[in-house]
């Protein structure tokens, strides 16, 4: 049974800190990254269910949030 993700906050346990060069950045877990790629492939093939569209929206929002946070962290560290 697949659990439908409705809120980005329900995915917070799938976020990890990873050292990239001199920075610690937020990254998706391997399982969440694979799920995102799977959903994107299904979207390209126009095969998403309504629940999967909701899930993809939630993962996409979380991706945008952490991309922004990582950019802020990187910029702050570059200015030191």
PDB file of N, CA and C in Angstrom:
ATOM      1  N   UNK A   1       0.831  -1.178   0.000  1.00  0.00           N
ATOM      2  CA  UNK A   1       0.000   0.000   0.000  1.00  0.00           C
ATOM      3  C   UNK A   1       0.883   1.251   0.000  1.00  0.00           C
ATOM      4  N   UNK A   2       0.589   2.209  -0.849  1.00  0.00           N
ATOM      5  CA  UNK A   2       1.350   3.446  -0.950  1.00  0.00           C
ATOM      6  C   UNK A   2       0.655   4.512  -0.118  1.00  0.00           C
ATOM      7  N   UNK A   3       1.434   5.185   0.715  1.00  0.00           N
ATOM      8  CA  UNK A   3       0.896   6.265   1.526  1.00  0.00           C
ATOM      9  C   UNK A   3       0.919   7.552   0.722  1.00  0.00           C
ATOM     10  N   UNK A   4      -0.188   8.264   0.708  1.00  0.00           N
ATOM     11  CA  UNK A   4      -0.261   9.523  -0.015  1.00  0.00           C
ATOM     12  C   UNK A   4       0.285  10.640   0.869  1.00  0.00           C
ATOM     13  N   UNK A   5       1.190  11.414   0.308  1.00  0.00           N
ATOM     14  CA  UNK A   5       1.779  12.546   0.999  1.00  0.00           C
ATOM     15  C   UNK A   5       0.950  13.780   0.660  1.00  0.00           C
ATOM     16  N   UNK A   6       0.446  14.457   1.662  1.00  0.00           N
ATOM     17  CA  UNK A   6      -0.376  15.640   1.408  1.00  0.00           C
ATOM     18  C   UNK A   6       0.295  16.921   1.862  1.00  0.00           C
ATOM     19  N   UNK A   7       1.214  16.832   2.828  1.00  0.00           N
ATOM     20  CA  UNK A   7       1.871  18.019   3.329  1.00  0.00           C
ATOM     21  C   UNK A   7       3.387  17.830   3.286  1.00  0.00           C
ATOM     22  N   UNK A   8       4.111  18.864   2.868  1.00  0.00           N
ATOM     23  CA  UNK A   8       5.573  18.753   2.860  1.00  0.00           C
ATOM     24  C   UNK A   8       6.142  18.408   4.232  1.00  0.00           C
ATOM     25  N   UNK A   9       5.521  18.897   5.296  1.00  0.00           N
ATOM     26  CA  UNK A   9       6.050  18.630   6.642  1.00  0.00           C
ATOM     27  C   UNK A   9       6.038  17.144   6.983  1.00  0.00           C
ATOM     28  N   UNK A  10       5.201  16.365   6.322  1.00  0.00           N
ATOM     29  CA  UNK A  10       5.173  14.921   6.590  1.00  0.00           C
ATOM     30  C   UNK A  10       6.411  14.219   6.034  1.00  0.00           C
ATOM     31  N   UNK A  11       7.203  14.940   5.242  1.00  0.00           N
ATOM     32  CA  UNK A  11       8.418  14.362   4.641  1.00  0.00           C
ATOM     33  C   UNK A  11       9.690  14.782   5.364  1.00  0.00           C
ATOM     34  N   UNK A  12       9.574  15.524   6.455  1.00  0.00           N
ATOM     35  CA  UNK A  12      10.746  16.101   7.115  1.00  0.00           C
ATOM     36  C   UNK A  12      11.753  15.019   7.545  1.00  0.00           C
ATOM     37  N   UNK A  13      11.263  13.837   7.865  1.00  0.00           N
ATOM     38  CA  UNK A  13      12.162  12.739   8.256  1.00  0.00           C
ATOM     39  C   UNK A  13      12.990  12.230   7.071  1.00  0.00           C
ATOM     40  N   UNK A  14      12.647  12.660   5.862  1.00  0.00           N
ATOM     41  CA  UNK A  14      13.366  12.245   4.651  1.00  0.00           C
ATOM     42  C   UNK A  14      14.452  13.251   4.248  1.00  0.00           C
ATOM     43  N   UNK A  15      14.719  14.230   5.114  1.00  0.00           N
ATOM     44  CA  UNK A  15      15.743  15.239   4.839  1.00  0.00           C
ATOM     45  C   UNK A  15      16.981  14.911   5.657  1.00  0.00           C
ATOM     46  N   UNK A  16      18.124  15.009   5.015  1.00  0.00           N
ATOM     47  CA  UNK A  16      19.388  14.702   5.672  1.00  0.00           C
ATOM     48  C   UNK A  16      20.359  15.861   5.468  1.00  0.00           C
ATOM     49  N   UNK A  17      21.310  15.967   6.372  1.00  0.00           N
ATOM     50  CA  UNK A  17      22.407  16.902   6.176  1.00  0.00           C
ATOM     51  C   UNK A  17      23.556  16.143   5.543  1.00  0.00           C
ATOM     52  N   UNK A  18      24.135  16.742   4.531  1.00  0.00           N
ATOM     53  CA  UNK A  18      25.243  16.090   3.833  1.00  0.00           C
ATOM     54  C   UNK A  18      26.362  17.095   3.646  1.00  0.00           C
ATOM     55  N   UNK A  19      27.577  16.680   3.944  1.00  0.00           N
ATOM     56  CA  UNK A  19      28.744  17.547   3.755  1.00  0.00           C
ATOM     57  C   UNK A  19      29.097  17.561   2.274  1.00  0.00           C
ATOM     58  N   UNK A  20      29.076  18.763   1.700  1.00  0.00           N
ATOM     59  CA  UNK A  20      29.427  18.972   0.298  1.00  0.00           C
ATOM     60  C   UNK A  20      30.522  20.029   0.293  1.00  0.00           C
ATOM     61  N   UNK A  21      31.735  19.573  -0.046  1.00  0.00           N
ATOM     62  CA  UNK A  21      32.911  20.431   0.072  1.00  0.00           C
ATOM     63  C   UNK A  21      32.988  20.952   1.503  1.00  0.00           C
ATOM     64  N   UNK A  22      32.981  22.267   1.701  1.00  0.00           N
ATOM     65  CA  UNK A  22      33.096  22.792   3.070  1.00  0.00           C
ATOM     66  C   UNK A  22      31.751  23.093   3.718  1.00  0.00           C
ATOM     67  N   UNK A  23      30.653  22.795   3.037  1.00  0.00           N
ATOM     68  CA  UNK A  23      29.327  23.129   3.546  1.00  0.00           C
ATOM     69  C   UNK A  23      28.547  21.881   3.928  1.00  0.00           C
ATOM     70  N   UNK A  24      27.682  22.046   4.914  1.00  0.00           N
ATOM     71  CA  UNK A  24      26.675  21.033   5.231  1.00  0.00           C
ATOM     72  C   UNK A  24      25.372  21.520   4.603  1.00  0.00           C
ATOM     73  N   UNK A  25      24.814  20.724   3.699  1.00  0.00           N
ATOM     74  CA  UNK A  25      23.604  21.109   2.973  1.00  0.00           C
ATOM     75  C   UNK A  25      22.495  20.088   3.215  1.00  0.00           C
ATOM     76  N   UNK A  26      21.275  20.564   3.076  1.00  0.00           N
ATOM     77  CA  UNK A  26      20.119  19.693   3.207  1.00  0.00           C
ATOM     78  C   UNK A  26      19.916  18.941   1.899  1.00  0.00           C
ATOM     79  N   UNK A  27      19.697  17.628   2.011  1.00  0.00           N
ATOM     80  CA  UNK A  27      19.482  16.772   0.841  1.00  0.00           C
ATOM     81  C   UNK A  27      18.323  15.830   1.125  1.00  0.00           C
ATOM     82  N   UNK A  28      17.666  15.379   0.058  1.00  0.00           N
ATOM     83  CA  UNK A  28      16.645  14.344   0.190  1.00  0.00           C
ATOM     84  C   UNK A  28      17.330  13.005   0.468  1.00  0.00           C
ATOM     85  N   UNK A  29      16.647  12.151   1.229  1.00  0.00           N
ATOM     86  CA  UNK A  29      17.130  10.783   1.399  1.00  0.00           C
ATOM     87  C   UNK A  29      17.117  10.103   0.029  1.00  0.00           C
ATOM     88  N   UNK A  30      17.835   9.021  -0.086  1.00  0.00           N
ATOM     89  CA  UNK A  30      17.861   8.279  -1.346  1.00  0.00           C
ATOM     90  C   UNK A  30      16.462   7.833  -1.744  1.00  0.00           C
ATOM     91  N   UNK A  31      15.687   7.352  -0.772  1.00  0.00           N
ATOM     92  CA  UNK A  31      14.335   6.869  -1.100  1.00  0.00           C
ATOM     93  C   UNK A  31      13.432   8.001  -1.582  1.00  0.00           C
ATOM     94  N   UNK A  32      13.536   9.187  -0.981  1.00  0.00           N
ATOM     95  CA  UNK A  32      12.709  10.304  -1.425  1.00  0.00           C
ATOM     96  C   UNK A  32      13.160  10.806  -2.796  1.00  0.00           C
ATOM     97  N   UNK A  33      14.462  10.830  -3.034  1.00  0.00           N
ATOM     98  CA  UNK A  33      14.968  11.249  -4.337  1.00  0.00           C
ATOM     99  C   UNK A  33      14.487  10.289  -5.435  1.00  0.00           C
ATOM    100  N   UNK A  34      14.530   9.000  -5.150  1.00  0.00           N
ATOM    101  CA  UNK A  34      14.045   8.016  -6.120  1.00  0.00           C
ATOM    102  C   UNK A  34      12.546   8.157  -6.363  1.00  0.00           C
ATOM    103  N   UNK A  35      11.793   8.436  -5.307  1.00  0.00           N
ATOM    104  CA  UNK A  35      10.341   8.633  -5.458  1.00  0.00           C
ATOM    105  C   UNK A  35      10.057   9.856  -6.316  1.00  0.00           C
ATOM    106  N   UNK A  36      10.794  10.940  -6.073  1.00  0.00           N
ATOM    107  CA  UNK A  36      10.633  12.153  -6.875  1.00  0.00           C
ATOM    108  C   UNK A  36      10.900  11.859  -8.345  1.00  0.00           C
ATOM    109  N   UNK A  37      11.983  11.165  -8.630  1.00  0.00           N
ATOM    110  CA  UNK A  37      12.317  10.829 -10.017  1.00  0.00           C
ATOM    111  C   UNK A  37      11.247   9.948 -10.652  1.00  0.00           C
ATOM    112  N   UNK A  38      10.726   8.996  -9.887  1.00  0.00           N
ATOM    113  CA  UNK A  38       9.660   8.126 -10.384  1.00  0.00           C
ATOM    114  C   UNK A  38       8.406   8.926 -10.721  1.00  0.00           C
ATOM    115  N   UNK A  39       8.030   9.828  -9.826  1.00  0.00           N
ATOM    116  CA  UNK A  39       6.850  10.652 -10.071  1.00  0.00           C
ATOM    117  C   UNK A  39       7.052  11.565 -11.279  1.00  0.00           C
ATOM    118  N   UNK A  40       8.248  12.117 -11.425  1.00  0.00           N
ATOM    119  CA  UNK A  40       8.527  12.981 -12.580  1.00  0.00           C
ATOM    120  C   UNK A  40       8.449  12.192 -13.883  1.00  0.00           C
ATOM    121  N   UNK A  41       8.952  10.957 -13.871  1.00  0.00           N
ATOM    122  CA  UNK A  41       8.859  10.102 -15.059  1.00  0.00           C
ATOM    123  C   UNK A  41       7.396   9.814 -15.402  1.00  0.00           C
ATOM    124  N   UNK A  42       6.602   9.519 -14.371  1.00  0.00           N
ATOM    125  CA  UNK A  42       5.174   9.250 -14.601  1.00  0.00           C
ATOM    126  C   UNK A  42       4.448  10.495 -15.090  1.00  0.00           C
ATOM    127  N   UNK A  43       4.886  11.662 -14.600  1.00  0.00           N
ATOM    128  CA  UNK A  43       4.279  12.914 -15.056  1.00  0.00           C
ATOM    129  C   UNK A  43       4.574  13.140 -16.537  1.00  0.00           C
ATOM    130  N   UNK A  44       5.827  12.899 -16.940  1.00  0.00           N
ATOM    131  CA  UNK A  44       6.200  13.053 -18.353  1.00  0.00           C
ATOM    132  C   UNK A  44       5.372  12.143 -19.245  1.00  0.00           C
ATOM    133  N   UNK A  45       5.047  10.956 -18.729  1.00  0.00           N
ATOM    134  CA  UNK A  45       4.256   9.993 -19.492  1.00  0.00           C
ATOM    135  C   UNK A  45       2.751  10.232 -19.311  1.00  0.00           C
ATOM    136  N   UNK A  46       2.405  11.295 -18.599  1.00  0.00           N
ATOM    137  CA  UNK A  46       1.004  11.650 -18.336  1.00  0.00           C
ATOM    138  C   UNK A  46       0.254  10.488 -17.675  1.00  0.00           C
ATOM    139  N   UNK A  47       0.896   9.894 -16.646  1.00  0.00           N
ATOM    140  CA  UNK A  47       0.322   8.729 -15.971  1.00  0.00           C
ATOM    141  C   UNK A  47       0.113   8.936 -14.472  1.00  0.00           C
ATOM    142  N   UNK A  48       0.144  10.186 -14.008  1.00  0.00           N
ATOM    143  CA  UNK A  48      -0.022  10.431 -12.577  1.00  0.00           C
ATOM    144  C   UNK A  48      -1.482  10.331 -12.159  1.00  0.00           C
ATOM    145  N   UNK A  49      -1.682   9.701 -11.017  1.00  0.00           N
ATOM    146  CA  UNK A  49      -3.011   9.690 -10.409  1.00  0.00           C
ATOM    147  C   UNK A  49      -3.197  11.010  -9.652  1.00  0.00           C
ATOM    148  N   UNK A  50      -4.423  11.350  -9.283  1.00  0.00           N
ATOM    149  CA  UNK A  50      -4.619  12.567  -8.479  1.00  0.00           C
ATOM    150  C   UNK A  50      -3.811  12.556  -7.174  1.00  0.00           C
ATOM    151  N   UNK A  51      -3.722  11.401  -6.513  1.00  0.00           N
ATOM    152  CA  UNK A  51      -2.925  11.311  -5.284  1.00  0.00           C
ATOM    153  C   UNK A  51      -1.441  11.545  -5.572  1.00  0.00           C
ATOM    154  N   UNK A  52      -0.961  11.038  -6.686  1.00  0.00           N
ATOM    155  CA  UNK A  52       0.443  11.232  -7.044  1.00  0.00           C
ATOM    156  C   UNK A  52       0.733  12.692  -7.412  1.00  0.00           C
ATOM    157  N   UNK A  53      -0.232  13.365  -7.997  1.00  0.00           N
ATOM    158  CA  UNK A  53      -0.067  14.795  -8.298  1.00  0.00           C
ATOM    159  C   UNK A  53       0.094  15.564  -6.989  1.00  0.00           C
ATOM    160  N   UNK A  54      -0.720  15.239  -6.000  1.00  0.00           N
ATOM    161  CA  UNK A  54      -0.630  15.870  -4.682  1.00  0.00           C
ATOM    162  C   UNK A  54       0.719  15.579  -4.046  1.00  0.00           C
ATOM    163  N   UNK A  55       1.161  14.335  -4.148  1.00  0.00           N
ATOM    164  CA  UNK A  55       2.453  13.933  -3.578  1.00  0.00           C
ATOM    165  C   UNK A  55       3.598  14.674  -4.274  1.00  0.00           C
ATOM    166  N   UNK A  56       3.552  14.753  -5.592  1.00  0.00           N
ATOM    167  CA  UNK A  56       4.597  15.450  -6.342  1.00  0.00           C
ATOM    168  C   UNK A  56       4.618  16.927  -5.969  1.00  0.00           C
ATOM    169  N   UNK A  57       3.462  17.529  -5.789  1.00  0.00           N
ATOM    170  CA  UNK A  57       3.395  18.937  -5.371  1.00  0.00           C
ATOM    171  C   UNK A  57       4.056  19.126  -4.006  1.00  0.00           C
ATOM    172  N   UNK A  58       3.792  18.212  -3.071  1.00  0.00           N
ATOM    173  CA  UNK A  58       4.366  18.313  -1.725  1.00  0.00           C
ATOM    174  C   UNK A  58       5.879  18.158  -1.764  1.00  0.00           C
ATOM    175  N   UNK A  59       6.365  17.178  -2.509  1.00  0.00           N
ATOM    176  CA  UNK A  59       7.811  16.969  -2.619  1.00  0.00           C
ATOM    177  C   UNK A  59       8.456  18.165  -3.324  1.00  0.00           C
ATOM    178  N   UNK A  60       7.805  18.674  -4.353  1.00  0.00           N
ATOM    179  CA  UNK A  60       8.333  19.836  -5.074  1.00  0.00           C
ATOM    180  C   UNK A  60       8.429  21.059  -4.189  1.00  0.00           C
ATOM    181  N   UNK A  61       7.424  21.272  -3.340  1.00  0.00           N
ATOM    182  CA  UNK A  61       7.463  22.410  -2.419  1.00  0.00           C
ATOM    183  C   UNK A  61       8.611  22.261  -1.436  1.00  0.00           C
ATOM    184  N   UNK A  62       8.789  21.066  -0.906  1.00  0.00           N
ATOM    185  CA  UNK A  62       9.889  20.821   0.015  1.00  0.00           C
ATOM    186  C   UNK A  62      11.229  21.028  -0.685  1.00  0.00           C
ATOM    187  N   UNK A  63      11.331  20.605  -1.922  1.00  0.00           N
ATOM    188  CA  UNK A  63      12.558  20.793  -2.703  1.00  0.00           C
ATOM    189  C   UNK A  63      12.867  22.288  -2.868  1.00  0.00           C
ATOM    190  N   UNK A  64      11.847  23.079  -3.188  1.00  0.00           N
ATOM    191  CA  UNK A  64      12.046  24.529  -3.344  1.00  0.00           C
ATOM    192  C   UNK A  64      12.495  25.171  -2.028  1.00  0.00           C
ATOM    193  N   UNK A  65      11.893  24.750  -0.912  1.00  0.00           N
ATOM    194  CA  UNK A  65      12.250  25.297   0.393  1.00  0.00           C
ATOM    195  C   UNK A  65      13.711  25.011   0.710  1.00  0.00           C
ATOM    196  N   UNK A  66      14.120  23.750   0.574  1.00  0.00           N
ATOM    197  CA  UNK A  66      15.478  23.398   0.948  1.00  0.00           C
ATOM    198  C   UNK A  66      16.511  23.884  -0.067  1.00  0.00           C
ATOM    199  N   UNK A  67      16.137  24.038  -1.311  1.00  0.00           N
ATOM    200  CA  UNK A  67      17.037  24.653  -2.284  1.00  0.00           C
ATOM    201  C   UNK A  67      17.308  26.097  -1.880  1.00  0.00           C
ATOM    202  N   UNK A  68      16.264  26.798  -1.459  1.00  0.00           N
ATOM    203  CA  UNK A  68      16.422  28.186  -1.013  1.00  0.00           C
ATOM    204  C   UNK A  68      17.288  28.258   0.245  1.00  0.00           C
ATOM    205  N   UNK A  69      17.022  27.396   1.218  1.00  0.00           N
ATOM    206  CA  UNK A  69      17.825  27.386   2.449  1.00  0.00           C
ATOM    207  C   UNK A  69      19.283  27.077   2.129  1.00  0.00           C
ATOM    208  N   UNK A  70      19.526  26.085   1.280  1.00  0.00           N
ATOM    209  CA  UNK A  70      20.902  25.742   0.912  1.00  0.00           C
ATOM    210  C   UNK A  70      21.592  26.911   0.223  1.00  0.00           C
ATOM    211  N   UNK A  71      20.884  27.624  -0.628  1.00  0.00           N
ATOM    212  CA  UNK A  71      21.466  28.787  -1.302  1.00  0.00           C
ATOM    213  C   UNK A  71      21.823  29.874  -0.287  1.00  0.00           C
ATOM    214  N   UNK A  72      20.952  30.080   0.687  1.00  0.00           N
ATOM    215  CA  UNK A  72      21.240  31.074   1.730  1.00  0.00           C
ATOM    216  C   UNK A  72      22.453  30.666   2.559  1.00  0.00           C
ATOM    217  N   UNK A  73      22.544  29.398   2.915  1.00  0.00           N
ATOM    218  CA  UNK A  73      23.687  28.907   3.697  1.00  0.00           C
ATOM    219  C   UNK A  73      24.982  29.053   2.907  1.00  0.00           C
ATOM    220  N   UNK A  74      24.932  28.699   1.630  1.00  0.00           N
ATOM    221  CA  UNK A  74      26.112  28.790   0.788  1.00  0.00           C
ATOM    222  C   UNK A  74      26.563  30.244   0.650  1.00  0.00           C
ATOM    223  N   UNK A  75      25.618  31.147   0.420  1.00  0.00           N
ATOM    224  CA  UNK A  75      25.947  32.568   0.291  1.00  0.00           C
ATOM    225  C   UNK A  75      26.517  33.116   1.595  1.00  0.00           C
ATOM    226  N   UNK A  76      25.934  32.724   2.709  1.00  0.00           N
ATOM    227  CA  UNK A  76      26.421  33.203   4.010  1.00  0.00           C
ATOM    228  C   UNK A  76      27.845  32.714   4.262  1.00  0.00           C
ATOM    229  N   UNK A  77      28.100  31.447   3.954  1.00  0.00           N
ATOM    230  CA  UNK A  77      29.441  30.896   4.154  1.00  0.00           C
ATOM    231  C   UNK A  77      30.451  31.489   3.190  1.00  0.00           C
ATOM    232  N   UNK A  78      30.017  31.864   1.978  1.00  0.00           N
ATOM    233  CA  UNK A  78      30.935  32.453   1.000  1.00  0.00           C
ATOM    234  C   UNK A  78      31.372  33.854   1.418  1.00  0.00           C
ATOM    235  N   UNK A  79      30.535  34.525   2.223  1.00  0.00           N
ATOM    236  CA  UNK A  79      30.846  35.884   2.648  1.00  0.00           C
ATOM    237  C   UNK A  79      31.700  35.939   3.906  1.00  0.00           C
ATOM    238  N   UNK A  80      32.102  34.809   4.430  1.00  0.00           N
ATOM    239  CA  UNK A  80      32.919  34.781   5.668  1.00  0.00           C
ATOM    240  C   UNK A  80      34.377  34.901   5.350  1.00  0.00           C
TER     241      UNK A  80
END
